[in-house]
Each structure stands twice: as C-alpha cells, then as structure tokens.
Amino acid sequence: MAALLLVSLSLIASSFGDDKVQVGFYSESLCPDCIALSTKYMNKAVEEVGKIFDLLYVPWGNAHLLSDGTFLCQHGKMECIINTVDSCVLHYYPQREQFWPFLYCMDEAKEDQDMSVAQRCAEKSNLNWDNIDTCSTGTMGHDLELVYYNMTASLEPPHKYTPWITINGKHNTEAEGSRLIKAICEAYTGSDKPVACII
C-alpha cells in the first residue's frame, strides 16, 4: 500500500508543468462554499485560463482523523464517502482533463451528492465506475484519503476553513472567490497569456 501512495503522489507531481501556476484547491465534497467556488469560479478558470495552471485538488477539508483510524467529516457520513470517491478518481485519473469533469458534475448536484450521483458522473465523464467503486469502498480508498489528510495537515499556515486556495504553494484569499482568474493571471510568468488575462 505504501507503494500505491507513492505512485499517487508521483502522479500528482508529474501533472505539474514547469511554467504553469500551481493552484491548490483544499476542499470537501458537501461544503456549500466549496461547491460555489467550484461551479462559479474554478470551472470558469479551467475554461478560460486552464492552459496556464495546474490544479491540485485535495478532498479532505475540515475532516478529522479519529484515534481508531476512521474519519469524521464536517457535513456528515456522506461527505466522508464522497471525499473517498474523489480520492479514488484522482488516483486513477490524475490529469485535470480527466478528473475535473467528474468533480464539476458532482458539484452541480450540490449537497445531493451520493453514490448514485457519483456513478452517473463517472459514466458521463467516461471514467471506469467499477474501479472507482471498488477503491472507495475498500482499504485503498481509506489509504488514499490519508494522503490528503496529511497534505492538508502539512499546510503552512494551517488551514482555517474551506475552500482554502493556494497559488504556487502560498495561501491566497483573493483566489477564493470571484478574483480567482485574476490571481492566476498575476502569478503567471510565462509569455503565452490567455485572452482572459489581458482583457
């Protein structure tokens, strides 16, 4: 299992381009503010300036790791389940072009996300639901979520709420709303700026 986690982390790292802005989206599946950021601003950023940034999506948020190894999530048991589904999707489909359509589809369901919605969104996004389902209901999904627990726990400064956005590894409150595209554009040092960064 340790090898599995190392593979997941290496895939995350390899998805980043040398000159792209690194955007971290620390989220949790049933968080209303996370859903709003995803559907209103992050999806627009993907569409308009997606070529200049890589997205690290971290599905843990304000959850807690209990002493018995189980998870306690802010918005209830279903949030823990869907966070784990998201972890499995990210493991099997580490490229943003693969995982983002699924995450956006889920967030369109708002707080009604459940396993039936996850299956529908996986099929709509051409992802293998059987693999995702097996992963999310077994030890593999649990261990993958621990990766995101550790990533969230390692934030400096520590996160205080969700959504929590980082730009090139630094917390950026401006990027946690309508100025997300502006924050990405300002952080981009390359010469191939999208139209949305110029107008």
N, C-alpha and C. Protein backbone atom coordinates (compact mmCIF):
# COMPACT_ATOMS: atom_id res chain seq x y z
N MET A 1 0.82 -1.20 0.00
CA MET A 1 0.00 0.00 0.00
C MET A 1 0.86 1.26 0.00
N ALA A 2 2.02 1.19 0.66
CA ALA A 2 2.93 2.34 0.65
C ALA A 2 3.35 2.69 -0.77
N ALA A 3 3.58 1.64 -1.58
CA ALA A 3 3.95 1.87 -2.97
C ALA A 3 2.83 2.56 -3.72
N LEU A 4 1.60 2.14 -3.42
CA LEU A 4 0.43 2.75 -4.05
C LEU A 4 0.38 4.24 -3.77
N LEU A 5 0.61 4.63 -2.51
CA LEU A 5 0.55 6.03 -2.14
C LEU A 5 1.66 6.82 -2.78
N LEU A 6 2.85 6.21 -2.91
CA LEU A 6 3.95 6.89 -3.57
C LEU A 6 3.64 7.12 -5.04
N VAL A 7 2.99 6.13 -5.66
CA VAL A 7 2.60 6.28 -7.06
C VAL A 7 1.61 7.43 -7.20
N SER A 8 0.63 7.50 -6.29
CA SER A 8 -0.36 8.57 -6.36
C SER A 8 0.30 9.92 -6.25
N LEU A 9 1.22 10.07 -5.29
CA LEU A 9 1.90 11.35 -5.10
C LEU A 9 2.77 11.69 -6.30
N SER A 10 3.41 10.70 -6.91
CA SER A 10 4.25 10.97 -8.07
C SER A 10 3.41 11.39 -9.26
N LEU A 11 2.22 10.82 -9.39
CA LEU A 11 1.33 11.22 -10.47
C LEU A 11 0.87 12.65 -10.27
N ILE A 12 0.58 13.02 -9.02
CA ILE A 12 0.20 14.39 -8.73
C ILE A 12 1.33 15.33 -9.13
N ALA A 13 2.54 15.00 -8.73
CA ALA A 13 3.68 15.85 -9.03
C ALA A 13 3.95 15.94 -10.52
N SER A 14 3.82 14.82 -11.24
CA SER A 14 4.13 14.80 -12.65
C SER A 14 3.11 15.55 -13.49
N SER A 15 1.94 15.84 -12.91
CA SER A 15 0.92 16.55 -13.66
C SER A 15 1.22 18.04 -13.75
N PHE A 16 2.19 18.53 -12.99
CA PHE A 16 2.50 19.94 -12.97
C PHE A 16 3.49 20.28 -14.07
N GLY A 17 3.22 21.36 -14.79
CA GLY A 17 4.13 21.84 -15.81
C GLY A 17 5.13 22.82 -15.22
N ASP A 18 6.31 22.95 -15.88
CA ASP A 18 7.38 23.78 -15.33
C ASP A 18 6.99 25.25 -15.21
N ASP A 19 6.28 25.80 -16.17
CA ASP A 19 6.00 27.24 -16.17
C ASP A 19 4.55 27.55 -15.82
N LYS A 20 3.82 26.57 -15.37
CA LYS A 20 2.42 26.80 -15.03
C LYS A 20 2.24 27.22 -13.57
N VAL A 21 1.21 27.98 -13.34
CA VAL A 21 0.83 28.35 -11.98
C VAL A 21 0.29 27.11 -11.29
N GLN A 22 0.69 26.91 -10.04
CA GLN A 22 0.23 25.75 -9.27
C GLN A 22 -0.90 26.18 -8.35
N VAL A 23 -2.09 25.72 -8.62
CA VAL A 23 -3.28 26.08 -7.84
C VAL A 23 -3.68 24.90 -6.98
N GLY A 24 -3.72 25.10 -5.67
CA GLY A 24 -4.19 24.08 -4.74
C GLY A 24 -5.60 24.40 -4.29
N PHE A 25 -6.48 23.44 -4.41
CA PHE A 25 -7.89 23.60 -4.03
C PHE A 25 -8.17 22.60 -2.92
N TYR A 26 -8.11 23.07 -1.67
CA TYR A 26 -8.36 22.22 -0.50
C TYR A 26 -9.84 22.30 -0.18
N SER A 27 -10.52 21.17 -0.35
CA SER A 27 -11.98 21.19 -0.40
C SER A 27 -12.57 20.02 0.37
N GLU A 28 -13.88 19.98 0.43
CA GLU A 28 -14.63 18.83 0.96
C GLU A 28 -15.94 18.78 0.20
N SER A 29 -16.43 17.59 -0.03
CA SER A 29 -17.45 17.37 -1.07
C SER A 29 -18.77 18.07 -0.83
N LEU A 30 -19.25 18.16 0.38
CA LEU A 30 -20.58 18.72 0.63
C LEU A 30 -20.54 20.12 1.24
N CYS A 31 -19.41 20.77 1.17
CA CYS A 31 -19.25 22.13 1.68
C CYS A 31 -19.90 23.12 0.70
N PRO A 32 -20.92 23.86 1.13
CA PRO A 32 -21.59 24.79 0.21
C PRO A 32 -20.66 25.82 -0.42
N ASP A 33 -19.72 26.35 0.36
CA ASP A 33 -18.81 27.35 -0.20
C ASP A 33 -17.83 26.73 -1.18
N CYS A 34 -17.43 25.49 -0.94
CA CYS A 34 -16.55 24.79 -1.88
C CYS A 34 -17.28 24.54 -3.20
N ILE A 35 -18.52 24.12 -3.09
CA ILE A 35 -19.34 23.87 -4.27
C ILE A 35 -19.53 25.16 -5.07
N ALA A 36 -19.77 26.26 -4.38
CA ALA A 36 -19.95 27.55 -5.05
C ALA A 36 -18.67 27.97 -5.78
N LEU A 37 -17.53 27.81 -5.11
CA LEU A 37 -16.26 28.16 -5.75
C LEU A 37 -16.02 27.29 -6.98
N SER A 38 -16.32 26.02 -6.85
CA SER A 38 -16.11 25.08 -7.96
C SER A 38 -16.97 25.43 -9.16
N THR A 39 -18.26 25.63 -8.93
CA THR A 39 -19.19 25.81 -10.05
C THR A 39 -19.19 27.22 -10.61
N LYS A 40 -18.89 28.21 -9.79
CA LYS A 40 -18.93 29.60 -10.25
C LYS A 40 -17.59 30.10 -10.77
N TYR A 41 -16.51 29.71 -10.11
CA TYR A 41 -15.23 30.33 -10.39
C TYR A 41 -14.15 29.37 -10.90
N MET A 42 -14.01 28.21 -10.26
CA MET A 42 -12.95 27.30 -10.71
C MET A 42 -13.24 26.76 -12.09
N ASN A 43 -14.48 26.41 -12.36
CA ASN A 43 -14.79 25.89 -13.69
C ASN A 43 -14.55 26.94 -14.77
N LYS A 44 -14.89 28.18 -14.45
CA LYS A 44 -14.63 29.28 -15.40
C LYS A 44 -13.13 29.44 -15.61
N ALA A 45 -12.34 29.30 -14.54
CA ALA A 45 -10.89 29.40 -14.67
C ALA A 45 -10.34 28.28 -15.55
N VAL A 46 -10.86 27.07 -15.36
CA VAL A 46 -10.43 25.94 -16.18
C VAL A 46 -10.73 26.23 -17.65
N GLU A 47 -11.89 26.78 -17.92
CA GLU A 47 -12.29 27.05 -19.30
C GLU A 47 -11.50 28.20 -19.92
N GLU A 48 -11.23 29.26 -19.15
CA GLU A 48 -10.66 30.47 -19.73
C GLU A 48 -9.14 30.59 -19.61
N VAL A 49 -8.57 30.04 -18.54
CA VAL A 49 -7.11 30.16 -18.37
C VAL A 49 -6.49 28.80 -18.01
N GLY A 50 -7.18 27.74 -18.34
CA GLY A 50 -6.73 26.40 -17.96
C GLY A 50 -5.36 26.04 -18.47
N LYS A 51 -4.94 26.63 -19.58
CA LYS A 51 -3.64 26.25 -20.15
C LYS A 51 -2.46 26.79 -19.35
N ILE A 52 -2.70 27.72 -18.41
CA ILE A 52 -1.57 28.29 -17.67
C ILE A 52 -1.52 27.85 -16.21
N PHE A 53 -2.38 26.93 -15.81
CA PHE A 53 -2.29 26.46 -14.43
C PHE A 53 -2.57 24.97 -14.31
N ASP A 54 -1.96 24.38 -13.30
CA ASP A 54 -2.23 23.00 -12.91
C ASP A 54 -3.03 23.03 -11.61
N LEU A 55 -3.91 22.08 -11.47
CA LEU A 55 -4.81 22.05 -10.32
C LEU A 55 -4.52 20.84 -9.44
N LEU A 56 -4.22 21.13 -8.19
CA LEU A 56 -4.10 20.09 -7.16
C LEU A 56 -5.38 20.14 -6.33
N TYR A 57 -6.21 19.13 -6.48
CA TYR A 57 -7.47 19.07 -5.73
C TYR A 57 -7.27 18.14 -4.53
N VAL A 58 -7.59 18.65 -3.34
CA VAL A 58 -7.34 17.90 -2.11
C VAL A 58 -8.66 17.70 -1.36
N PRO A 59 -9.26 16.52 -1.45
CA PRO A 59 -10.58 16.27 -0.86
C PRO A 59 -10.52 15.81 0.60
N TRP A 60 -10.22 16.74 1.49
CA TRP A 60 -10.21 16.44 2.92
C TRP A 60 -10.93 17.53 3.70
N GLY A 61 -10.53 18.78 3.50
CA GLY A 61 -11.22 19.90 4.13
C GLY A 61 -11.10 19.94 5.63
N ASN A 62 -12.24 20.03 6.30
CA ASN A 62 -12.28 20.15 7.76
C ASN A 62 -12.55 18.81 8.44
N ALA A 63 -12.29 17.73 7.75
CA ALA A 63 -12.50 16.40 8.34
C ALA A 63 -11.47 16.15 9.45
N HIS A 64 -11.74 15.14 10.26
CA HIS A 64 -10.85 14.78 11.34
C HIS A 64 -10.51 13.29 11.24
N LEU A 65 -9.26 12.98 11.54
CA LEU A 65 -8.83 11.59 11.64
C LEU A 65 -8.93 11.18 13.10
N LEU A 66 -9.79 10.21 13.40
CA LEU A 66 -10.03 9.79 14.77
C LEU A 66 -8.98 8.77 15.22
N SER A 67 -8.91 8.55 16.52
CA SER A 67 -7.88 7.68 17.08
C SER A 67 -8.01 6.24 16.61
N ASP A 68 -9.21 5.83 16.19
CA ASP A 68 -9.40 4.46 15.70
C ASP A 68 -9.15 4.34 14.20
N GLY A 69 -8.69 5.43 13.58
CA GLY A 69 -8.37 5.39 12.16
C GLY A 69 -9.52 5.73 11.23
N THR A 70 -10.71 5.98 11.79
CA THR A 70 -11.85 6.36 10.97
C THR A 70 -11.88 7.88 10.78
N PHE A 71 -12.73 8.33 9.88
CA PHE A 71 -12.83 9.75 9.56
C PHE A 71 -14.14 10.33 10.09
N LEU A 72 -14.09 11.57 10.51
CA LEU A 72 -15.27 12.32 10.91
C LEU A 72 -15.32 13.57 10.06
N CYS A 73 -16.37 13.72 9.25
CA CYS A 73 -16.45 14.83 8.31
C CYS A 73 -17.45 15.89 8.76
N GLN A 74 -17.17 17.12 8.40
CA GLN A 74 -17.95 18.27 8.86
C GLN A 74 -19.43 18.15 8.49
N HIS A 75 -19.70 17.65 7.28
CA HIS A 75 -21.08 17.61 6.79
C HIS A 75 -21.66 16.20 6.78
N GLY A 76 -21.13 15.34 7.65
CA GLY A 76 -21.74 14.03 7.82
C GLY A 76 -21.05 12.90 7.09
N LYS A 77 -21.60 11.71 7.29
CA LYS A 77 -21.00 10.49 6.76
C LYS A 77 -20.89 10.49 5.24
N MET A 78 -21.91 11.02 4.55
CA MET A 78 -21.87 11.00 3.10
C MET A 78 -20.71 11.84 2.57
N GLU A 79 -20.37 12.90 3.27
CA GLU A 79 -19.23 13.69 2.83
C GLU A 79 -17.95 12.85 2.89
N CYS A 80 -17.76 12.06 3.94
CA CYS A 80 -16.60 11.19 4.02
C CYS A 80 -16.58 10.19 2.86
N ILE A 81 -17.75 9.66 2.53
CA ILE A 81 -17.85 8.69 1.44
C ILE A 81 -17.46 9.34 0.11
N ILE A 82 -18.01 10.51 -0.16
CA ILE A 82 -17.73 11.17 -1.44
C ILE A 82 -16.30 11.70 -1.50
N ASN A 83 -15.78 12.18 -0.36
CA ASN A 83 -14.36 12.56 -0.35
C ASN A 83 -13.49 11.38 -0.78
N THR A 84 -13.83 10.19 -0.30
CA THR A 84 -13.07 9.00 -0.64
C THR A 84 -13.24 8.64 -2.11
N VAL A 85 -14.44 8.78 -2.62
CA VAL A 85 -14.67 8.58 -4.06
C VAL A 85 -13.78 9.53 -4.86
N ASP A 86 -13.75 10.80 -4.44
CA ASP A 86 -12.92 11.78 -5.14
C ASP A 86 -11.45 11.37 -5.10
N SER A 87 -11.00 10.85 -3.96
CA SER A 87 -9.61 10.40 -3.84
C SER A 87 -9.30 9.30 -4.84
N CYS A 88 -10.24 8.39 -5.00
CA CYS A 88 -10.04 7.28 -5.94
C CYS A 88 -10.04 7.78 -7.39
N VAL A 89 -10.92 8.71 -7.69
CA VAL A 89 -10.93 9.31 -9.03
C VAL A 89 -9.58 9.96 -9.32
N LEU A 90 -9.07 10.71 -8.36
CA LEU A 90 -7.78 11.39 -8.54
C LEU A 90 -6.64 10.39 -8.70
N HIS A 91 -6.75 9.24 -8.03
CA HIS A 91 -5.72 8.21 -8.16
C HIS A 91 -5.71 7.61 -9.56
N TYR A 92 -6.86 7.23 -10.06
CA TYR A 92 -6.94 6.59 -11.36
C TYR A 92 -6.85 7.57 -12.52
N TYR A 93 -7.26 8.81 -12.28
CA TYR A 93 -7.31 9.82 -13.34
C TYR A 93 -6.66 11.11 -12.85
N PRO A 94 -5.32 11.15 -12.80
CA PRO A 94 -4.62 12.27 -12.17
C PRO A 94 -4.56 13.55 -12.99
N GLN A 95 -4.85 13.47 -14.28
CA GLN A 95 -4.80 14.66 -15.11
C GLN A 95 -6.09 15.48 -14.96
N ARG A 96 -5.93 16.80 -14.91
CA ARG A 96 -7.11 17.65 -14.71
C ARG A 96 -8.16 17.42 -15.80
N GLU A 97 -7.73 17.20 -17.02
CA GLU A 97 -8.68 16.96 -18.11
C GLU A 97 -9.52 15.72 -17.86
N GLN A 98 -9.00 14.81 -17.02
CA GLN A 98 -9.74 13.60 -16.69
C GLN A 98 -10.63 13.78 -15.48
N PHE A 99 -10.06 14.35 -14.40
CA PHE A 99 -10.82 14.38 -13.14
C PHE A 99 -11.75 15.57 -13.01
N TRP A 100 -11.44 16.70 -13.66
CA TRP A 100 -12.27 17.88 -13.42
C TRP A 100 -13.72 17.73 -13.91
N PRO A 101 -13.97 17.14 -15.08
CA PRO A 101 -15.37 16.97 -15.48
C PRO A 101 -16.19 16.18 -14.45
N PHE A 102 -15.56 15.19 -13.84
CA PHE A 102 -16.25 14.42 -12.80
C PHE A 102 -16.54 15.29 -11.58
N LEU A 103 -15.53 16.01 -11.08
CA LEU A 103 -15.72 16.84 -9.89
C LEU A 103 -16.76 17.94 -10.15
N TYR A 104 -16.73 18.52 -11.33
CA TYR A 104 -17.70 19.57 -11.66
C TYR A 104 -19.11 18.99 -11.74
N CYS A 105 -19.23 17.82 -12.33
CA CYS A 105 -20.53 17.15 -12.39
C CYS A 105 -21.07 16.88 -10.99
N MET A 106 -20.22 16.43 -10.09
CA MET A 106 -20.64 16.18 -8.71
C MET A 106 -21.10 17.48 -8.05
N ASP A 107 -20.34 18.54 -8.24
CA ASP A 107 -20.69 19.80 -7.58
C ASP A 107 -21.95 20.42 -8.15
N GLU A 108 -22.29 20.09 -9.38
CA GLU A 108 -23.56 20.56 -9.92
C GLU A 108 -24.74 19.96 -9.16
N ALA A 109 -24.53 18.80 -8.53
CA ALA A 109 -25.57 18.18 -7.71
C ALA A 109 -25.67 18.81 -6.33
N LYS A 110 -24.75 19.73 -6.04
CA LYS A 110 -24.69 20.46 -4.77
C LYS A 110 -24.64 19.48 -3.58
N GLU A 111 -25.50 19.70 -2.58
CA GLU A 111 -25.44 18.85 -1.39
C GLU A 111 -26.16 17.51 -1.57
N ASP A 112 -26.66 17.23 -2.78
CA ASP A 112 -27.33 15.96 -3.05
C ASP A 112 -26.38 14.88 -3.54
N GLN A 113 -25.09 15.13 -3.47
CA GLN A 113 -24.11 14.14 -3.91
C GLN A 113 -24.22 12.86 -3.09
N ASP A 114 -24.25 11.73 -3.80
CA ASP A 114 -24.23 10.42 -3.17
C ASP A 114 -23.64 9.43 -4.17
N MET A 115 -23.67 8.15 -3.85
CA MET A 115 -23.03 7.17 -4.72
C MET A 115 -23.72 7.03 -6.06
N SER A 116 -25.03 7.21 -6.10
CA SER A 116 -25.72 7.13 -7.39
C SER A 116 -25.34 8.30 -8.29
N VAL A 117 -25.20 9.48 -7.70
CA VAL A 117 -24.74 10.65 -8.47
C VAL A 117 -23.30 10.42 -8.92
N ALA A 118 -22.48 9.85 -8.05
CA ALA A 118 -21.08 9.59 -8.40
C ALA A 118 -20.99 8.62 -9.59
N GLN A 119 -21.82 7.59 -9.59
CA GLN A 119 -21.80 6.65 -10.71
C GLN A 119 -22.22 7.35 -12.00
N ARG A 120 -23.27 8.16 -11.90
CA ARG A 120 -23.74 8.89 -13.09
C ARG A 120 -22.65 9.83 -13.62
N CYS A 121 -21.98 10.55 -12.71
CA CYS A 121 -20.95 11.49 -13.14
C CYS A 121 -19.73 10.77 -13.70
N ALA A 122 -19.41 9.61 -13.13
CA ALA A 122 -18.29 8.83 -13.66
C ALA A 122 -18.59 8.37 -15.09
N GLU A 123 -19.77 7.87 -15.28
CA GLU A 123 -20.15 7.40 -16.62
C GLU A 123 -20.21 8.55 -17.60
N LYS A 124 -20.73 9.68 -17.16
CA LYS A 124 -20.80 10.87 -18.02
C LYS A 124 -19.40 11.35 -18.40
N SER A 125 -18.44 11.17 -17.49
CA SER A 125 -17.06 11.63 -17.70
C SER A 125 -16.17 10.56 -18.30
N ASN A 126 -16.77 9.42 -18.67
CA ASN A 126 -16.04 8.31 -19.28
C ASN A 126 -14.96 7.74 -18.35
N LEU A 127 -15.29 7.65 -17.06
CA LEU A 127 -14.41 7.03 -16.08
C LEU A 127 -14.94 5.65 -15.72
N ASN A 128 -14.05 4.76 -15.33
CA ASN A 128 -14.44 3.39 -15.01
C ASN A 128 -15.03 3.35 -13.60
N TRP A 129 -16.35 3.27 -13.51
CA TRP A 129 -17.01 3.31 -12.21
C TRP A 129 -16.69 2.09 -11.36
N ASP A 130 -16.56 0.93 -11.97
CA ASP A 130 -16.28 -0.28 -11.19
C ASP A 130 -14.98 -0.13 -10.40
N ASN A 131 -13.95 0.39 -11.05
CA ASN A 131 -12.68 0.59 -10.35
C ASN A 131 -12.81 1.61 -9.22
N ILE A 132 -13.51 2.70 -9.51
CA ILE A 132 -13.69 3.76 -8.51
C ILE A 132 -14.49 3.24 -7.33
N ASP A 133 -15.56 2.52 -7.60
CA ASP A 133 -16.42 1.98 -6.55
C ASP A 133 -15.66 1.00 -5.66
N THR A 134 -14.93 0.09 -6.29
CA THR A 134 -14.14 -0.89 -5.52
C THR A 134 -13.12 -0.19 -4.65
N CYS A 135 -12.46 0.80 -5.21
CA CYS A 135 -11.47 1.56 -4.46
C CYS A 135 -12.09 2.29 -3.28
N SER A 136 -13.20 2.96 -3.51
CA SER A 136 -13.78 3.84 -2.49
C SER A 136 -14.41 3.07 -1.33
N THR A 137 -14.77 1.82 -1.56
CA THR A 137 -15.41 1.03 -0.51
C THR A 137 -14.44 0.08 0.18
N GLY A 138 -13.16 0.18 -0.18
CA GLY A 138 -12.16 -0.72 0.40
C GLY A 138 -11.03 0.04 1.10
N THR A 139 -10.02 -0.71 1.46
CA THR A 139 -8.89 -0.11 2.18
C THR A 139 -8.10 0.85 1.30
N MET A 140 -8.12 0.64 0.01
CA MET A 140 -7.38 1.51 -0.90
C MET A 140 -7.89 2.94 -0.80
N GLY A 141 -9.20 3.11 -0.80
CA GLY A 141 -9.78 4.44 -0.70
C GLY A 141 -9.44 5.11 0.62
N HIS A 142 -9.50 4.33 1.69
CA HIS A 142 -9.16 4.86 3.02
C HIS A 142 -7.71 5.35 3.04
N ASP A 143 -6.81 4.55 2.47
CA ASP A 143 -5.40 4.92 2.48
C ASP A 143 -5.13 6.13 1.59
N LEU A 144 -5.85 6.23 0.50
CA LEU A 144 -5.70 7.41 -0.36
C LEU A 144 -6.16 8.67 0.36
N GLU A 145 -7.25 8.56 1.10
CA GLU A 145 -7.73 9.73 1.86
C GLU A 145 -6.70 10.16 2.90
N LEU A 146 -5.96 9.21 3.46
CA LEU A 146 -4.91 9.56 4.42
C LEU A 146 -3.84 10.43 3.77
N VAL A 147 -3.60 10.22 2.47
CA VAL A 147 -2.65 11.08 1.76
C VAL A 147 -3.12 12.52 1.81
N TYR A 148 -4.42 12.72 1.58
CA TYR A 148 -4.97 14.08 1.54
C TYR A 148 -5.10 14.66 2.94
N TYR A 149 -5.32 13.81 3.92
CA TYR A 149 -5.28 14.27 5.31
C TYR A 149 -3.90 14.84 5.62
N ASN A 150 -2.87 14.12 5.25
CA ASN A 150 -1.50 14.57 5.53
C ASN A 150 -1.15 15.82 4.75
N MET A 151 -1.60 15.91 3.53
CA MET A 151 -1.34 17.11 2.74
C MET A 151 -2.01 18.33 3.36
N THR A 152 -3.23 18.16 3.84
CA THR A 152 -3.94 19.27 4.47
C THR A 152 -3.31 19.63 5.80
N ALA A 153 -2.94 18.62 6.57
CA ALA A 153 -2.31 18.87 7.87
C ALA A 153 -0.96 19.54 7.74
N SER A 154 -0.33 19.42 6.57
CA SER A 154 1.00 19.99 6.37
C SER A 154 0.96 21.43 5.87
N LEU A 155 -0.23 21.97 5.63
CA LEU A 155 -0.33 23.35 5.14
C LEU A 155 0.31 24.33 6.12
N GLU A 156 1.00 25.32 5.58
CA GLU A 156 1.61 26.36 6.38
C GLU A 156 1.36 27.71 5.71
N PRO A 157 0.56 28.59 6.32
CA PRO A 157 -0.06 28.40 7.63
C PRO A 157 -1.16 27.34 7.58
N PRO A 158 -1.53 26.79 8.74
CA PRO A 158 -2.59 25.77 8.77
C PRO A 158 -3.90 26.33 8.23
N HIS A 159 -4.65 25.48 7.54
CA HIS A 159 -5.92 25.96 7.01
C HIS A 159 -6.91 26.17 8.15
N LYS A 160 -7.78 27.16 7.97
CA LYS A 160 -8.77 27.51 8.99
C LYS A 160 -10.20 27.32 8.51
N TYR A 161 -10.39 27.07 7.23
CA TYR A 161 -11.73 26.94 6.66
C TYR A 161 -11.59 26.30 5.28
N THR A 162 -12.72 26.02 4.68
CA THR A 162 -12.74 25.58 3.29
C THR A 162 -13.77 26.43 2.54
N PRO A 163 -13.54 26.67 1.26
CA PRO A 163 -12.37 26.26 0.47
C PRO A 163 -11.13 27.06 0.85
N TRP A 164 -9.99 26.44 0.72
CA TRP A 164 -8.69 27.04 1.00
C TRP A 164 -7.87 26.93 -0.28
N ILE A 165 -7.50 28.07 -0.84
CA ILE A 165 -6.80 28.09 -2.12
C ILE A 165 -5.36 28.53 -1.93
N THR A 166 -4.46 27.79 -2.56
CA THR A 166 -3.06 28.21 -2.60
C THR A 166 -2.66 28.49 -4.04
N ILE A 167 -1.82 29.50 -4.22
CA ILE A 167 -1.25 29.83 -5.51
C ILE A 167 0.26 29.68 -5.38
N ASN A 168 0.81 28.76 -6.15
CA ASN A 168 2.24 28.45 -6.06
C ASN A 168 2.65 28.17 -4.62
N GLY A 169 1.82 27.42 -3.92
CA GLY A 169 2.13 26.95 -2.58
C GLY A 169 1.81 27.91 -1.46
N LYS A 170 1.32 29.11 -1.79
CA LYS A 170 1.02 30.09 -0.76
C LYS A 170 -0.48 30.38 -0.70
N HIS A 171 -1.00 30.43 0.52
CA HIS A 171 -2.42 30.73 0.69
C HIS A 171 -2.76 32.07 0.06
N ASN A 172 -3.87 32.11 -0.68
CA ASN A 172 -4.27 33.32 -1.38
C ASN A 172 -5.76 33.53 -1.21
N THR A 173 -6.12 34.45 -0.31
CA THR A 173 -7.55 34.69 -0.04
C THR A 173 -8.25 35.31 -1.25
N GLU A 174 -7.52 36.09 -2.04
CA GLU A 174 -8.12 36.72 -3.21
C GLU A 174 -8.63 35.68 -4.20
N ALA A 175 -7.96 34.54 -4.23
CA ALA A 175 -8.31 33.50 -5.19
C ALA A 175 -9.50 32.65 -4.74
N GLU A 176 -10.03 32.92 -3.56
CA GLU A 176 -11.11 32.09 -3.01
C GLU A 176 -12.49 32.64 -3.37
N GLY A 177 -12.57 33.26 -4.54
CA GLY A 177 -13.86 33.82 -4.97
C GLY A 177 -13.77 34.34 -6.39
N SER A 178 -14.40 35.45 -6.64
CA SER A 178 -14.55 35.98 -7.99
C SER A 178 -13.23 36.44 -8.61
N ARG A 179 -12.18 36.60 -7.81
CA ARG A 179 -10.90 37.06 -8.35
C ARG A 179 -9.91 35.92 -8.59
N LEU A 180 -10.43 34.72 -8.69
CA LEU A 180 -9.57 33.56 -8.91
C LEU A 180 -8.76 33.69 -10.20
N ILE A 181 -9.43 34.01 -11.29
CA ILE A 181 -8.73 34.13 -12.57
C ILE A 181 -7.68 35.24 -12.49
N LYS A 182 -8.01 36.35 -11.88
CA LYS A 182 -7.07 37.45 -11.72
C LYS A 182 -5.82 36.99 -10.95
N ALA A 183 -6.03 36.23 -9.88
CA ALA A 183 -4.90 35.75 -9.08
C ALA A 183 -4.02 34.80 -9.88
N ILE A 184 -4.63 33.95 -10.68
CA ILE A 184 -3.86 33.03 -11.51
C ILE A 184 -3.05 33.80 -12.56
N CYS A 185 -3.71 34.75 -13.20
CA CYS A 185 -3.03 35.55 -14.23
C CYS A 185 -1.87 36.33 -13.66
N GLU A 186 -2.04 36.90 -12.48
CA GLU A 186 -0.97 37.68 -11.86
C GLU A 186 0.22 36.81 -11.47
N ALA A 187 -0.04 35.54 -11.17
CA ALA A 187 1.03 34.63 -10.78
C ALA A 187 1.76 34.02 -11.97
N TYR A 188 1.17 34.13 -13.14
CA TYR A 188 1.75 33.51 -14.33
C TYR A 188 2.91 34.35 -14.86
N THR A 189 4.06 33.71 -15.06
CA THR A 189 5.26 34.42 -15.52
C THR A 189 5.61 34.10 -16.97
N GLY A 190 4.81 33.27 -17.60
CA GLY A 190 5.09 32.91 -18.98
C GLY A 190 4.65 33.98 -19.95
N SER A 191 4.92 33.75 -21.23
CA SER A 191 4.61 34.74 -22.27
C SER A 191 3.31 34.44 -23.00
N ASP A 192 2.77 33.25 -22.82
CA ASP A 192 1.58 32.83 -23.57
C ASP A 192 0.32 33.08 -22.75
N LYS A 193 0.03 34.34 -22.49
CA LYS A 193 -1.12 34.67 -21.65
C LYS A 193 -2.43 34.49 -22.42
N PRO A 194 -3.42 33.86 -21.79
CA PRO A 194 -4.74 33.73 -22.42
C PRO A 194 -5.41 35.10 -22.52
N VAL A 195 -6.40 35.19 -23.38
CA VAL A 195 -7.12 36.45 -23.57
C VAL A 195 -7.70 36.94 -22.25
N ALA A 196 -8.18 36.02 -21.39
CA ALA A 196 -8.80 36.40 -20.13
C ALA A 196 -7.83 37.11 -19.20
N CYS A 197 -6.53 36.93 -19.41
CA CYS A 197 -5.52 37.60 -18.59
C CYS A 197 -5.20 38.99 -19.12
N ILE A 198 -5.63 39.27 -20.33
CA ILE A 198 -5.27 40.54 -20.98
C ILE A 198 -6.40 41.55 -20.92
N ILE A 199 -7.63 41.06 -21.09
CA ILE A 199 -8.77 41.99 -21.12
C ILE A 199 -9.11 42.48 -19.71
